[in-house]
Amino acid sequence: MMGMLGLLCAGVLIGGLDAVDSQRDHLWYLAQLGAGPIVICLDVLNQQLIRALPEAEQYRSIGLGHINAIGTLYIALAGLMNVVVILDVFRDRSDEQPSRRKQDASTSKLATGDAA
């Protein structure tokens, strides 16, 4: 959770509010949506505050070049990392072997005579 929020905040600080843009960067926006409703709020802010300005004003308030791309990448990584965590939670673990730590604990109890 903290890693995702850290990447999200770093992406907005690096790339600016324009790093989340559903109109111009649609595929990146799909990856960023995995980070949750914060991304939707950032996109609404971007569309209302920055895209509503005249074009000459927009260029003074958006991140340009590679800096904006790095911010976009950070936020997309936060979204994809969150998707991976969600997929890991729903994975079926019924056929897995018990962990080694559990096996080591049971053999140590047998060796010391703690098993009753």
Protein backbone atom coordinates (compact mmCIF):
# COMPACT_ATOMS: atom_id res chain seq x y z
CA MET A 1 0.00 0.00 0.00
CA MET A 2 2.72 2.45 0.94
CA GLY A 3 4.76 1.52 -2.12
CA MET A 4 1.81 2.17 -4.40
CA LEU A 5 1.02 5.50 -2.75
CA GLY A 6 4.69 6.44 -2.86
CA LEU A 7 4.89 5.74 -6.59
CA LEU A 8 1.64 7.61 -7.16
CA CYS A 9 2.76 10.70 -5.25
CA ALA A 10 6.21 10.63 -6.85
CA GLY A 11 4.63 10.38 -10.29
CA VAL A 12 2.43 13.41 -9.68
CA LEU A 13 5.34 15.37 -8.21
CA ILE A 14 7.64 14.49 -11.10
CA GLY A 15 5.24 14.68 -14.04
CA GLY A 16 2.70 17.12 -12.73
CA LEU A 17 -1.06 16.81 -12.77
CA ASP A 18 -0.88 16.19 -16.51
CA ALA A 19 0.74 12.78 -15.92
CA VAL A 20 -2.79 11.34 -15.61
CA ASP A 21 -4.71 12.09 -18.79
CA SER A 22 -7.51 9.87 -20.05
CA GLN A 23 -7.96 11.88 -23.26
CA ARG A 24 -4.41 11.96 -24.66
CA ASP A 25 -2.79 8.91 -22.99
CA HIS A 26 -5.59 6.35 -23.05
CA LEU A 27 -3.46 3.18 -22.79
CA TRP A 28 -1.35 4.62 -19.99
CA TYR A 29 -4.55 5.65 -18.24
CA LEU A 30 -5.81 2.06 -18.32
CA ALA A 31 -2.63 0.91 -16.53
CA GLN A 32 -2.92 3.80 -14.07
CA LEU A 33 -6.52 2.89 -13.18
CA GLY A 34 -5.22 -0.07 -11.19
CA ALA A 35 -4.10 2.40 -8.53
CA GLY A 36 -7.72 3.10 -7.66
CA PRO A 37 -10.08 6.05 -7.46
CA ILE A 38 -7.24 8.48 -6.73
CA VAL A 39 -6.32 8.28 -10.42
CA ILE A 40 -9.87 9.14 -11.46
CA CYS A 41 -9.81 12.19 -9.17
CA LEU A 42 -6.46 13.27 -10.62
CA ASP A 43 -7.83 12.91 -14.15
CA VAL A 44 -10.91 14.97 -13.31
CA LEU A 45 -8.66 17.66 -11.83
CA ASN A 46 -6.49 17.56 -14.95
CA GLN A 47 -9.48 17.88 -17.27
CA GLN A 48 -11.12 20.66 -15.23
CA LEU A 49 -8.07 22.74 -14.27
CA ILE A 50 -5.53 22.29 -17.06
CA ARG A 51 -7.47 21.26 -20.17
CA ALA A 52 -10.05 24.02 -19.63
CA LEU A 53 -7.33 26.68 -20.08
CA PRO A 54 -6.52 28.19 -23.48
CA GLU A 55 -3.81 26.27 -25.33
CA ALA A 56 -1.13 28.92 -24.72
CA GLU A 57 -1.81 28.73 -20.98
CA GLN A 58 -1.77 24.91 -20.99
CA TYR A 59 1.85 24.76 -22.11
CA ARG A 60 2.91 26.73 -19.05
CA SER A 61 1.16 24.36 -16.64
CA ILE A 62 1.91 20.88 -18.03
CA GLY A 63 5.02 18.77 -17.85
CA LEU A 64 6.78 18.44 -21.18
CA GLY A 65 9.08 15.82 -22.61
CA HIS A 66 10.66 13.01 -20.67
CA ILE A 67 9.76 14.38 -17.24
CA ASN A 68 6.05 13.97 -17.97
CA ALA A 69 6.68 10.46 -19.35
CA ILE A 70 8.55 9.45 -16.19
CA GLY A 71 5.67 10.69 -14.02
CA THR A 72 3.21 8.80 -16.20
CA LEU A 73 5.35 5.66 -15.90
CA TYR A 74 5.53 5.92 -12.09
CA ILE A 75 1.74 6.14 -11.80
CA ALA A 76 1.25 3.28 -14.27
CA LEU A 77 3.68 1.15 -12.25
CA ALA A 78 1.68 1.90 -9.10
CA GLY A 79 -1.48 0.73 -10.85
CA LEU A 80 0.09 -2.43 -12.24
CA MET A 81 1.69 -3.24 -8.88
CA ASN A 82 -1.73 -2.99 -7.25
CA VAL A 83 -3.24 -5.28 -9.90
CA VAL A 84 -0.53 -7.88 -9.20
CA VAL A 85 -1.30 -7.75 -5.47
CA ILE A 86 -5.02 -8.19 -6.16
CA LEU A 87 -4.33 -11.17 -8.43
CA ASP A 88 -2.10 -12.71 -5.76
CA VAL A 89 -4.87 -12.45 -3.17
CA PHE A 90 -7.34 -14.36 -5.35
CA ARG A 91 -4.89 -17.11 -6.33
CA ASP A 92 -5.92 -20.65 -5.39
CA ARG A 93 -3.52 -22.01 -2.77
CA SER A 94 -5.26 -25.30 -1.97
CA ASP A 95 -2.67 -27.47 -3.75
CA GLU A 96 0.44 -25.80 -2.27
CA GLN A 97 2.81 -27.66 0.00
CA PRO A 98 3.12 -26.40 3.57
CA SER A 99 5.81 -23.81 3.93
CA ARG A 100 9.29 -24.81 4.96
CA ARG A 101 8.99 -22.74 8.10
CA LYS A 102 6.07 -24.90 9.30
CA GLN A 103 8.00 -28.07 8.49
CA ASP A 104 11.08 -26.83 10.34
CA ALA A 105 8.99 -25.92 13.38
CA SER A 106 7.42 -29.37 13.54
CA THR A 107 10.78 -31.19 13.19
CA SER A 108 12.37 -29.03 15.85
CA LYS A 109 9.53 -29.85 18.27
CA LEU A 110 10.06 -33.54 17.60
CA ALA A 111 13.81 -33.27 18.11
CA THR A 112 13.48 -31.43 21.45
CA GLY A 113 10.68 -33.64 22.74
CA ASP A 114 8.08 -30.85 22.92
CA ALA A 115 5.56 -32.90 20.97
CA ALA A 116 3.10 -34.37 23.40
